[in-house]
C-alpha atoms as a PDB file:
ATOM      1  CA  MET A   1      50.439 -27.857  -1.796  1.00  0.00           C
ATOM      2  CA  SER A   2      51.690 -24.281  -2.192  1.00  0.00           C
ATOM      3  CA  THR A   3      49.428 -21.263  -2.471  1.00  0.00           C
ATOM      4  CA  LEU A   4      49.432 -19.596  -5.911  1.00  0.00           C
ATOM      5  CA  ASP A   5      52.384 -17.148  -5.868  1.00  0.00           C
ATOM      6  CA  HIS A   6      52.094 -15.524  -9.317  1.00  0.00           C
ATOM      7  CA  LYS A   7      49.360 -13.907 -11.389  1.00  0.00           C
ATOM      8  CA  ILE A   8      47.744 -15.878 -14.217  1.00  0.00           C
ATOM      9  CA  ASP A   9      45.756 -14.626 -17.235  1.00  0.00           C
ATOM     10  CA  PHE A  10      43.952 -16.856 -19.708  1.00  0.00           C
ATOM     11  CA  ALA A  11      41.733 -16.825 -22.808  1.00  0.00           C
ATOM     12  CA  VAL A  12      39.625 -19.500 -24.420  1.00  0.00           C
ATOM     13  CA  VAL A  13      38.556 -19.619 -28.071  1.00  0.00           C
ATOM     14  CA  LEU A  14      35.608 -21.889 -28.827  1.00  0.00           C
ATOM     15  CA  SER A  15      33.067 -22.537 -31.627  1.00  0.00           C
ATOM     16  CA  VAL A  16      29.402 -23.285 -31.710  1.00  0.00           C
ATOM     17  CA  THR A  17      27.841 -25.275 -34.556  1.00  0.00           C
ATOM     18  CA  LYS A  18      24.060 -25.730 -34.751  1.00  0.00           C
ATOM     19  CA  ALA A  19      23.531 -25.380 -31.038  1.00  0.00           C
ATOM     20  CA  ASN A  20      22.240 -23.019 -28.402  1.00  0.00           C
ATOM     21  CA  PRO A  21      25.289 -22.210 -26.294  1.00  0.00           C
ATOM     22  CA  ASN A  22      23.412 -20.260 -23.578  1.00  0.00           C
ATOM     23  CA  GLY A  23      19.706 -19.586 -23.749  1.00  0.00           C
ATOM     24  CA  ASP A  24      18.235 -16.339 -22.377  1.00  0.00           C
ATOM     25  CA  PRO A  25      15.174 -17.126 -20.204  1.00  0.00           C
ATOM     26  CA  LEU A  26      14.005 -13.516 -20.564  1.00  0.00           C
ATOM     27  CA  ASN A  27      13.870 -13.903 -24.393  1.00  0.00           C
ATOM     28  CA  GLY A  28      12.165 -17.254 -24.985  1.00  0.00           C
ATOM     29  CA  ASN A  29      15.474 -19.128 -24.431  1.00  0.00           C
ATOM     30  CA  ARG A  30      16.935 -17.725 -27.595  1.00  0.00           C
ATOM     31  CA  PRO A  31      20.738 -17.699 -27.671  1.00  0.00           C
ATOM     32  CA  ARG A  32      22.024 -14.673 -25.805  1.00  0.00           C
ATOM     33  CA  GLN A  33      22.872 -11.714 -27.971  1.00  0.00           C
ATOM     34  CA  ASN A  34      24.082  -8.170 -27.270  1.00  0.00           C
ATOM     35  CA  TYR A  35      22.884  -4.993 -28.976  1.00  0.00           C
ATOM     36  CA  ASP A  36      25.562  -5.325 -31.665  1.00  0.00           C
ATOM     37  CA  GLY A  37      24.135  -8.700 -32.654  1.00  0.00           C
ATOM     38  CA  LYS A  38      27.065 -10.656 -31.273  1.00  0.00           C
ATOM     39  CA  GLY A  39      26.417 -13.823 -29.304  1.00  0.00           C
ATOM     40  CA  GLU A  40      27.159 -14.121 -25.622  1.00  0.00           C
ATOM     41  CA  ILE A  41      27.671 -16.883 -23.083  1.00  0.00           C
ATOM     42  CA  SER A  42      27.360 -15.658 -19.483  1.00  0.00           C
ATOM     43  CA  ASP A  43      30.199 -16.107 -16.984  1.00  0.00           C
ATOM     44  CA  VAL A  44      27.744 -18.025 -14.785  1.00  0.00           C
ATOM     45  CA  ALA A  45      27.208 -20.617 -17.520  1.00  0.00           C
ATOM     46  CA  ILE A  46      30.960 -20.967 -18.073  1.00  0.00           C
ATOM     47  CA  LYS A  47      31.600 -21.445 -14.358  1.00  0.00           C
ATOM     48  CA  ARG A  48      28.828 -24.091 -14.295  1.00  0.00           C
ATOM     49  CA  LYS A  49      30.690 -26.049 -16.966  1.00  0.00           C
ATOM     50  CA  ILE A  50      33.982 -25.682 -15.109  1.00  0.00           C
ATOM     51  CA  ARG A  51      32.347 -27.000 -11.954  1.00  0.00           C
ATOM     52  CA  ASN A  52      30.999 -29.964 -13.919  1.00  0.00           C
ATOM     53  CA  ARG A  53      34.460 -30.761 -15.246  1.00  0.00           C
ATOM     54  CA  LEU A  54      35.956 -30.488 -11.750  1.00  0.00           C
ATOM     55  CA  LEU A  55      33.279 -32.951 -10.572  1.00  0.00           C
ATOM     56  CA  ASP A  56      34.247 -35.309 -13.388  1.00  0.00           C
ATOM     57  CA  MET A  57      37.820 -35.070 -12.124  1.00  0.00           C
ATOM     58  CA  GLY A  58      36.670 -36.246  -8.717  1.00  0.00           C
ATOM     59  CA  GLU A  59      37.056 -32.866  -7.031  1.00  0.00           C
ATOM     60  CA  PRO A  60      34.721 -31.782  -4.176  1.00  0.00           C
ATOM     61  CA  VAL A  61      32.333 -29.092  -5.517  1.00  0.00           C
ATOM     62  CA  PHE A  62      29.895 -27.071  -3.417  1.00  0.00           C
ATOM     63  CA  VAL A  63      27.575 -25.684  -6.089  1.00  0.00           C
ATOM     64  CA  GLN A  64      26.308 -28.734  -7.929  1.00  0.00           C
ATOM     65  CA  SER A  65      23.314 -28.842 -10.319  1.00  0.00           C
ATOM     66  CA  ASP A  66      20.641 -31.418  -9.596  1.00  0.00           C
ATOM     67  CA  ASP A  67      21.290 -33.381 -12.825  1.00  0.00           C
ATOM     68  CA  ARG A  68      25.040 -33.610 -12.122  1.00  0.00           C
ATOM     69  CA  ARG A  69      25.379 -33.878  -8.360  1.00  0.00           C
ATOM     70  CA  ASN A  70      27.420 -36.766  -6.982  1.00  0.00           C
ATOM     71  CA  ASP A  71      25.990 -36.810  -3.449  1.00  0.00           C
ATOM     72  CA  SER A  72      22.572 -37.099  -1.774  1.00  0.00           C
ATOM     73  CA  PHE A  73      22.236 -33.448  -0.776  1.00  0.00           C
ATOM     74  CA  LYS A  74      19.292 -31.630  -2.293  1.00  0.00           C
ATOM     75  CA  SER A  75      20.267 -28.074  -1.432  1.00  0.00           C
ATOM     76  CA  LEU A  76      23.345 -25.949  -0.694  1.00  0.00           C
ATOM     77  CA  ARG A  77      22.256 -25.739   2.985  1.00  0.00           C
ATOM     78  CA  ASP A  78      22.234 -29.554   3.230  1.00  0.00           C
ATOM     79  CA  ARG A  79      25.712 -29.703   1.692  1.00  0.00           C
ATOM     80  CA  ALA A  80      26.989 -27.065   4.062  1.00  0.00           C
ATOM     81  CA  ASP A  81      25.429 -28.861   7.048  1.00  0.00           C
ATOM     82  CA  SER A  82      27.245 -32.079   5.968  1.00  0.00           C
ATOM     83  CA  ASN A  83      30.344 -30.574   7.635  1.00  0.00           C
ATOM     84  CA  PRO A  84      29.723 -30.706  11.399  1.00  0.00           C
ATOM     85  CA  GLU A  85      31.819 -27.642  12.074  1.00  0.00           C
ATOM     86  CA  LEU A  86      30.024 -25.523   9.481  1.00  0.00           C
ATOM     87  CA  ALA A  87      26.615 -26.805  10.647  1.00  0.00           C
ATOM     88  CA  LYS A  88      27.414 -25.714  14.180  1.00  0.00           C
ATOM     89  CA  MET A  89      28.657 -22.263  13.048  1.00  0.00           C
ATOM     90  CA  LEU A  90      25.524 -21.656  10.950  1.00  0.00           C
ATOM     91  CA  LYS A  91      23.467 -21.867  14.155  1.00  0.00           C
ATOM     92  CA  ASP A  92      25.793 -19.646  16.136  1.00  0.00           C
ATOM     93  CA  LYS A  93      25.417 -15.879  15.665  1.00  0.00           C
ATOM     94  CA  SER A  94      28.761 -15.253  17.329  1.00  0.00           C
ATOM     95  CA  ALA A  95      30.693 -17.694  15.154  1.00  0.00           C
ATOM     96  CA  SER A  96      33.720 -16.396  13.283  1.00  0.00           C
ATOM     97  CA  SER A  97      33.099 -15.606   9.611  1.00  0.00           C
ATOM     98  CA  ASP A  98      36.767 -16.010   8.864  1.00  0.00           C
ATOM     99  CA  SER A  99      36.908 -19.476  10.439  1.00  0.00           C
ATOM    100  CA  PHE A 100      33.805 -20.503   8.478  1.00  0.00           C
ATOM    101  CA  ALA A 101      35.272 -19.271   5.199  1.00  0.00           C
ATOM    102  CA  GLN A 102      38.575 -21.066   5.836  1.00  0.00           C
ATOM    103  CA  ILE A 103      36.871 -24.366   6.484  1.00  0.00           C
ATOM    104  CA  ALA A 104      34.628 -24.001   3.394  1.00  0.00           C
ATOM    105  CA  CYS A 105      37.550 -23.091   1.203  1.00  0.00           C
ATOM    106  CA  GLU A 106      39.586 -26.071   2.398  1.00  0.00           C
ATOM    107  CA  GLN A 107      36.688 -28.482   1.646  1.00  0.00           C
ATOM    108  CA  TRP A 108      35.369 -27.300  -1.765  1.00  0.00           C
ATOM    109  CA  VAL A 109      37.529 -26.382  -4.765  1.00  0.00           C
ATOM    110  CA  ASP A 110      34.866 -24.105  -6.356  1.00  0.00           C
ATOM    111  CA  VAL A 111      34.552 -22.038  -3.166  1.00  0.00           C
ATOM    112  CA  ARG A 112      38.260 -21.328  -3.007  1.00  0.00           C
ATOM    113  CA  SER A 113      38.252 -20.702  -6.829  1.00  0.00           C
ATOM    114  CA  PHE A 114      35.174 -18.594  -7.502  1.00  0.00           C
ATOM    115  CA  GLY A 115      34.042 -17.605  -4.049  1.00  0.00           C
ATOM    116  CA  GLN A 116      30.607 -18.172  -2.540  1.00  0.00           C
ATOM    117  CA  VAL A 117      27.942 -16.489  -0.435  1.00  0.00           C
ATOM    118  CA  PHE A 118      26.732 -18.559   2.526  1.00  0.00           C
ATOM    119  CA  ALA A 119      23.424 -16.981   3.553  1.00  0.00           C
ATOM    120  CA  PHE A 120      20.638 -19.382   4.409  1.00  0.00           C
ATOM    121  CA  LYS A 121      17.166 -18.818   5.791  1.00  0.00           C
ATOM    122  CA  GLY A 122      17.085 -19.418   9.525  1.00  0.00           C
ATOM    123  CA  SER A 123      20.852 -19.229   9.844  1.00  0.00           C
ATOM    124  CA  GLN A 124      22.477 -16.951  12.383  1.00  0.00           C
ATOM    125  CA  LEU A 125      25.583 -16.430  10.211  1.00  0.00           C
ATOM    126  CA  SER A 126      26.116 -14.889   6.777  1.00  0.00           C
ATOM    127  CA  VAL A 127      29.489 -15.320   5.111  1.00  0.00           C
ATOM    128  CA  GLY A 128      30.812 -14.024   1.806  1.00  0.00           C
ATOM    129  CA  VAL A 129      33.965 -15.408   0.154  1.00  0.00           C
ATOM    130  CA  ARG A 130      35.650 -13.671  -2.732  1.00  0.00           C
ATOM    131  CA  GLY A 131      37.431 -16.068  -5.069  1.00  0.00           C
ATOM    132  CA  PRO A 132      40.605 -15.418  -7.075  1.00  0.00           C
ATOM    133  CA  VAL A 133      39.320 -16.791 -10.438  1.00  0.00           C
ATOM    134  CA  SER A 134      37.369 -14.212 -12.447  1.00  0.00           C
ATOM    135  CA  ILE A 135      35.850 -14.931 -15.833  1.00  0.00           C
ATOM    136  CA  HIS A 136      34.420 -12.544 -18.432  1.00  0.00           C
ATOM    137  CA  THR A 137      31.301 -13.123 -20.510  1.00  0.00           C
ATOM    138  CA  ALA A 138      32.120 -14.972 -23.757  1.00  0.00           C
ATOM    139  CA  THR A 139      31.366 -12.900 -26.842  1.00  0.00           C
ATOM    140  CA  SER A 140      31.333 -14.001 -30.489  1.00  0.00           C
ATOM    141  CA  ILE A 141      33.796 -12.441 -32.915  1.00  0.00           C
ATOM    142  CA  ASP A 142      31.037 -11.630 -35.449  1.00  0.00           C
ATOM    143  CA  PRO A 143      27.303 -11.088 -35.148  1.00  0.00           C
ATOM    144  CA  ILE A 144      25.457 -14.406 -34.991  1.00  0.00           C
ATOM    145  CA  ASP A 145      22.440 -15.632 -37.016  1.00  0.00           C
ATOM    146  CA  ILE A 146      19.815 -17.310 -34.887  1.00  0.00           C
ATOM    147  CA  VAL A 147      17.648 -19.988 -36.480  1.00  0.00           C
ATOM    148  CA  SER A 148      14.279 -20.719 -34.814  1.00  0.00           C
ATOM    149  CA  THR A 149      12.449 -23.991 -35.450  1.00  0.00           C
ATOM    150  CA  GLN A 150       8.939 -24.904 -34.387  1.00  0.00           C
ATOM    151  CA  ILE A 151       8.791 -28.339 -32.728  1.00  0.00           C
ATOM    152  CA  THR A 152       5.786 -30.613 -32.332  1.00  0.00           C
ATOM    153  CA  LYS A 153       4.663 -33.632 -30.353  1.00  0.00           C
ATOM    154  CA  SER A 154       2.944 -36.707 -31.838  1.00  0.00           C
ATOM    155  CA  VAL A 155       1.567 -38.419 -28.744  1.00  0.00           C
ATOM    156  CA  ASN A 156      -0.728 -37.511 -25.882  1.00  0.00           C
ATOM    157  CA  SER A 157       0.873 -36.443 -22.607  1.00  0.00           C
ATOM    158  CA  VAL A 158      -1.789 -38.309 -20.525  1.00  0.00           C
ATOM    159  CA  THR A 159      -3.678 -41.508 -21.366  1.00  0.00           C
ATOM    160  CA  GLY A 160      -7.234 -40.876 -22.424  1.00  0.00           C
ATOM    161  CA  GLU A 161      -6.986 -37.162 -23.109  1.00  0.00           C
ATOM    162  CA  LYS A 162      -8.205 -35.769 -26.378  1.00  0.00           C
ATOM    163  CA  ARG A 163      -5.293 -35.237 -28.651  1.00  0.00           C
ATOM    164  CA  SER A 164      -4.425 -31.527 -28.753  1.00  0.00           C
ATOM    165  CA  SER A 165      -2.696 -29.519 -31.433  1.00  0.00           C
ATOM    166  CA  ASP A 166       0.671 -30.850 -32.586  1.00  0.00           C
ATOM    167  CA  THR A 167       2.320 -27.515 -31.812  1.00  0.00           C
ATOM    168  CA  MET A 168       4.633 -27.801 -28.832  1.00  0.00           C
ATOM    169  CA  GLY A 169       7.068 -24.887 -28.907  1.00  0.00           C
ATOM    170  CA  MET A 170      10.187 -23.448 -30.395  1.00  0.00           C
ATOM    171  CA  LYS A 171      13.867 -24.369 -30.479  1.00  0.00           C
ATOM    172  CA  HIS A 172      16.647 -21.902 -31.300  1.00  0.00           C
ATOM    173  CA  ARG A 173      20.165 -22.381 -32.447  1.00  0.00           C
ATOM    174  CA  VAL A 174      23.239 -20.652 -33.707  1.00  0.00           C
ATOM    175  CA  ASP A 175      24.299 -22.177 -37.053  1.00  0.00           C
ATOM    176  CA  PHE A 176      27.910 -21.205 -36.511  1.00  0.00           C
ATOM    177  CA  GLY A 177      29.932 -18.815 -34.359  1.00  0.00           C
ATOM    178  CA  VAL A 178      33.375 -18.388 -32.815  1.00  0.00           C
ATOM    179  CA  TYR A 179      33.369 -17.051 -29.296  1.00  0.00           C
ATOM    180  CA  VAL A 180      36.165 -16.002 -26.950  1.00  0.00           C
ATOM    181  CA  PHE A 181      36.204 -15.473 -23.206  1.00  0.00           C
ATOM    182  CA  LYS A 182      38.998 -14.267 -20.949  1.00  0.00           C
ATOM    183  CA  GLY A 183      39.860 -14.468 -17.308  1.00  0.00           C
ATOM    184  CA  SER A 184      42.441 -13.986 -14.612  1.00  0.00           C
ATOM    185  CA  ILE A 185      43.597 -15.515 -11.295  1.00  0.00           C
ATOM    186  CA  ASN A 186      44.399 -13.011  -8.544  1.00  0.00           C
ATOM    187  CA  THR A 187      47.166 -13.912  -6.070  1.00  0.00           C
ATOM    188  CA  GLN A 188      45.958 -11.692  -3.225  1.00  0.00           C
ATOM    189  CA  LEU A 189      42.577 -13.439  -3.193  1.00  0.00           C
ATOM    190  CA  ALA A 190      44.294 -16.807  -3.696  1.00  0.00           C
ATOM    191  CA  GLU A 191      46.157 -16.264  -0.418  1.00  0.00           C
ATOM    192  CA  LYS A 192      42.921 -15.589   1.403  1.00  0.00           C
ATOM    193  CA  THR A 193      41.113 -18.658   0.059  1.00  0.00           C
ATOM    194  CA  GLY A 194      44.091 -21.057  -0.032  1.00  0.00           C
ATOM    195  CA  PHE A 195      43.907 -21.433  -3.838  1.00  0.00           C
ATOM    196  CA  THR A 196      47.025 -23.387  -4.861  1.00  0.00           C
ATOM    197  CA  ASN A 197      49.178 -23.862  -7.955  1.00  0.00           C
ATOM    198  CA  GLU A 198      47.639 -27.312  -8.224  1.00  0.00           C
ATOM    199  CA  ASP A 199      44.162 -25.739  -8.251  1.00  0.00           C
ATOM    200  CA  ALA A 200      45.250 -23.453 -11.087  1.00  0.00           C
ATOM    201  CA  GLU A 201      46.338 -26.533 -13.065  1.00  0.00           C
ATOM    202  CA  LYS A 202      42.883 -28.089 -12.469  1.00  0.00           C
ATOM    203  CA  ILE A 203      41.185 -24.958 -13.791  1.00  0.00           C
ATOM    204  CA  LYS A 204      43.424 -25.044 -16.897  1.00  0.00           C
ATOM    205  CA  GLN A 205      42.537 -28.685 -17.556  1.00  0.00           C
ATOM    206  CA  ALA A 206      38.825 -27.910 -17.086  1.00  0.00           C
ATOM    207  CA  LEU A 207      39.091 -25.120 -19.669  1.00  0.00           C
ATOM    208  CA  ILE A 208      40.776 -27.406 -22.174  1.00  0.00           C
ATOM    209  CA  THR A 209      38.017 -30.025 -21.855  1.00  0.00           C
ATOM    210  CA  LEU A 210      35.196 -27.577 -21.134  1.00  0.00           C
ATOM    211  CA  PHE A 211      32.480 -29.290 -23.190  1.00  0.00           C
ATOM    212  CA  GLU A 212      33.211 -32.916 -22.433  1.00  0.00           C
ATOM    213  CA  ASN A 213      30.204 -34.709 -20.843  1.00  0.00           C
ATOM    214  CA  ASP A 214      28.058 -31.589 -21.448  1.00  0.00           C
ATOM    215  CA  SER A 215      25.655 -32.723 -24.172  1.00  0.00           C
ATOM    216  CA  SER A 216      21.984 -31.819 -24.118  1.00  0.00           C
ATOM    217  CA  SER A 217      19.119 -31.410 -26.656  1.00  0.00           C
ATOM    218  CA  ALA A 218      20.225 -27.772 -27.112  1.00  0.00           C
ATOM    219  CA  ARG A 219      23.944 -28.727 -27.314  1.00  0.00           C
ATOM    220  CA  PRO A 220      24.426 -32.105 -28.977  1.00  0.00           C
ATOM    221  CA  ASP A 221      27.802 -33.827 -28.693  1.00  0.00           C
ATOM    222  CA  GLY A 222      30.352 -32.131 -30.937  1.00  0.00           C
ATOM    223  CA  SER A 223      28.382 -28.894 -31.366  1.00  0.00           C
ATOM    224  CA  MET A 224      30.541 -26.997 -28.888  1.00  0.00           C
ATOM    225  CA  GLU A 225      34.297 -27.158 -29.204  1.00  0.00           C
ATOM    226  CA  VAL A 226      37.265 -25.539 -27.454  1.00  0.00           C
ATOM    227  CA  HIS A 227      39.891 -24.780 -30.130  1.00  0.00           C
ATOM    228  CA  LYS A 228      42.560 -22.856 -28.196  1.00  0.00           C
ATOM    229  CA  VAL A 229      43.433 -22.035 -24.612  1.00  0.00           C
ATOM    230  CA  TYR A 230      45.981 -19.305 -24.014  1.00  0.00           C
ATOM    231  CA  TRP A 231      47.604 -19.380 -20.567  1.00  0.00           C
ATOM    232  CA  TRP A 232      49.869 -16.523 -19.371  1.00  0.00           C
ATOM    233  CA  GLU A 233      51.832 -17.064 -16.159  1.00  0.00           C
ATOM    234  CA  HIS A 234      53.441 -13.902 -14.785  1.00  0.00           C
ATOM    235  CA  THR A 235      56.618 -13.955 -12.717  1.00  0.00           C
ATOM    236  CA  SER A 236      55.273 -12.000  -9.751  1.00  0.00           C
ATOM    237  CA  LYS A 237      52.165 -11.657  -7.647  1.00  0.00           C
ATOM    238  CA  LEU A 238      51.116  -8.383  -9.308  1.00  0.00           C
ATOM    239  CA  GLY A 239      52.202  -9.449 -12.770  1.00  0.00           C
ATOM    240  CA  GLN A 240      54.358  -7.688 -15.383  1.00  0.00           C
ATOM    241  CA  TYR A 241      51.278  -6.317 -17.209  1.00  0.00           C
ATOM    242  CA  SER A 242      47.672  -5.501 -16.468  1.00  0.00           C
ATOM    243  CA  SER A 243      45.156  -8.209 -17.366  1.00  0.00           C
ATOM    244  CA  ALA A 244      43.537  -5.818 -19.901  1.00  0.00           C
ATOM    245  CA  LYS A 245      46.851  -5.463 -21.767  1.00  0.00           C
ATOM    246  CA  VAL A 246      47.475  -9.186 -21.718  1.00  0.00           C
ATOM    247  CA  HIS A 247      43.982  -9.933 -23.048  1.00  0.00           C
ATOM    248  CA  ARG A 248      44.391  -7.337 -25.800  1.00  0.00           C
ATOM    249  CA  SER A 249      47.496  -9.140 -27.048  1.00  0.00           C
ATOM    250  CA  LEU A 250      45.112 -11.743 -28.501  1.00  0.00           C
ATOM    251  CA  ASN A 251      43.512 -10.606 -31.779  1.00  0.00           C
ATOM    252  CA  ILE A 252      40.948 -12.767 -33.634  1.00  0.00           C
ATOM    253  CA  GLN A 253      39.368 -11.754 -36.928  1.00  0.00           C
ATOM    254  CA  SER A 254      37.302 -13.472 -39.606  1.00  0.00           C
ATOM    255  CA  LYS A 255      38.867 -13.916 -43.028  1.00  0.00           C
ATOM    256  CA  SER A 256      35.497 -14.348 -44.756  1.00  0.00           C
ATOM    257  CA  ASP A 257      32.334 -12.276 -44.951  1.00  0.00           C
ATOM    258  CA  THR A 258      30.335 -15.413 -44.084  1.00  0.00           C
ATOM    259  CA  PRO A 259      32.596 -17.631 -41.918  1.00  0.00           C
ATOM    260  CA  THR A 260      31.359 -21.243 -41.559  1.00  0.00           C
ATOM    261  CA  SER A 261      34.270 -22.881 -39.850  1.00  0.00           C
ATOM    262  CA  PHE A 262      37.042 -22.139 -37.391  1.00  0.00           C
ATOM    263  CA  GLU A 263      39.504 -22.090 -40.322  1.00  0.00           C
ATOM    264  CA  ASP A 264      37.785 -18.975 -41.604  1.00  0.00           C
ATOM    265  CA  TYR A 265      39.348 -17.013 -38.687  1.00  0.00           C
ATOM    266  CA  SER A 266      42.883 -15.735 -38.149  1.00  0.00           C
ATOM    267  CA  ILE A 267      44.459 -15.560 -34.718  1.00  0.00           C
ATOM    268  CA  GLU A 268      47.280 -13.128 -33.986  1.00  0.00           C
ATOM    269  CA  LEU A 269      49.112 -13.168 -30.678  1.00  0.00           C
ATOM    270  CA  PHE A 270      51.303 -10.112 -29.927  1.00  0.00           C
ATOM    271  CA  GLU A 271      54.358 -10.881 -27.796  1.00  0.00           C
ATOM    272  CA  LEU A 272      54.762  -9.100 -24.495  1.00  0.00           C
ATOM    273  CA  ASP A 273      58.375  -8.724 -23.307  1.00  0.00           C
ATOM    274  CA  GLY A 274      59.193 -11.037 -20.413  1.00  0.00           C
ATOM    275  CA  LEU A 275      55.789 -12.750 -20.420  1.00  0.00           C
ATOM    276  CA  SER A 276      55.513 -16.183 -21.979  1.00  0.00           C
ATOM    277  CA  VAL A 277      52.253 -17.742 -23.105  1.00  0.00           C
ATOM    278  CA  GLU A 278      51.279 -21.407 -23.337  1.00  0.00           C
ATOM    279  CA  GLU A 279      49.079 -22.144 -26.355  1.00  0.00           C
ATOM    280  CA  ILE A 280      47.087 -25.317 -25.882  1.00  0.00           C
ATOM    281  CA  ASP A 281      44.779 -27.056 -28.356  1.00  0.00           C
ATOM    282  CA  GLY A 282      41.374 -28.040 -27.040  1.00  0.00           C
ATOM    283  CA  GLN A 283      40.442 -31.678 -26.678  1.00  0.00           C
END
């Protein structure tokens, strides 16, 4: 496998229909929203979904959520200790940080993609890895309307208790919104982590199928959909254009005052000389 030898930029256009794409725990788990009223999905949430898709592909992932993990380890420390070399290094204050990072990057695809901080209580070693894949916060094209619904329960939680009030809490959703997020893959950092051309292809496939096997009560099946993935591959390590200019070449606008479907939006892609773009439909 060859280390990535050219810069890559990408953009993903997705829609949300009657779902909470990313709740804000500091605001009653309401869908995230900026001061302009536009919806947001954090980069952390997007990376979580990419990791889940990589797990579904059978790839080794270091940061796994408890409800999706495919091993018996209950913490990141346990997963790190599963590698005898890393376990030994974590107890050795004089161990090489570079050697630790190299082993971790070789073992886990998300570490060599996104980077990772290895700092555990009681450990003599602290290691930080910078990953080549960077992802922006997803933002909706238009301000979103948030619908809040009061939910109730109809049974007792514990046998024998006096039935309490039916009121249980609130659920929030976005009736409809089109979001876009952008990202890049840096070759200099790819060389340091060993991120390969094959890894880049895995990231692309994860983006195309981002919401497969991701249903929950807040995001029912079919409520989150990837419509388009734009994938720019430069011809050099530094790239012909800056990532900002490449990302600006994608222009999305609503054609209606009250858009209710993806067809109510127009997408314009400005051509950049010498830089081709692959346009992929979501699955």
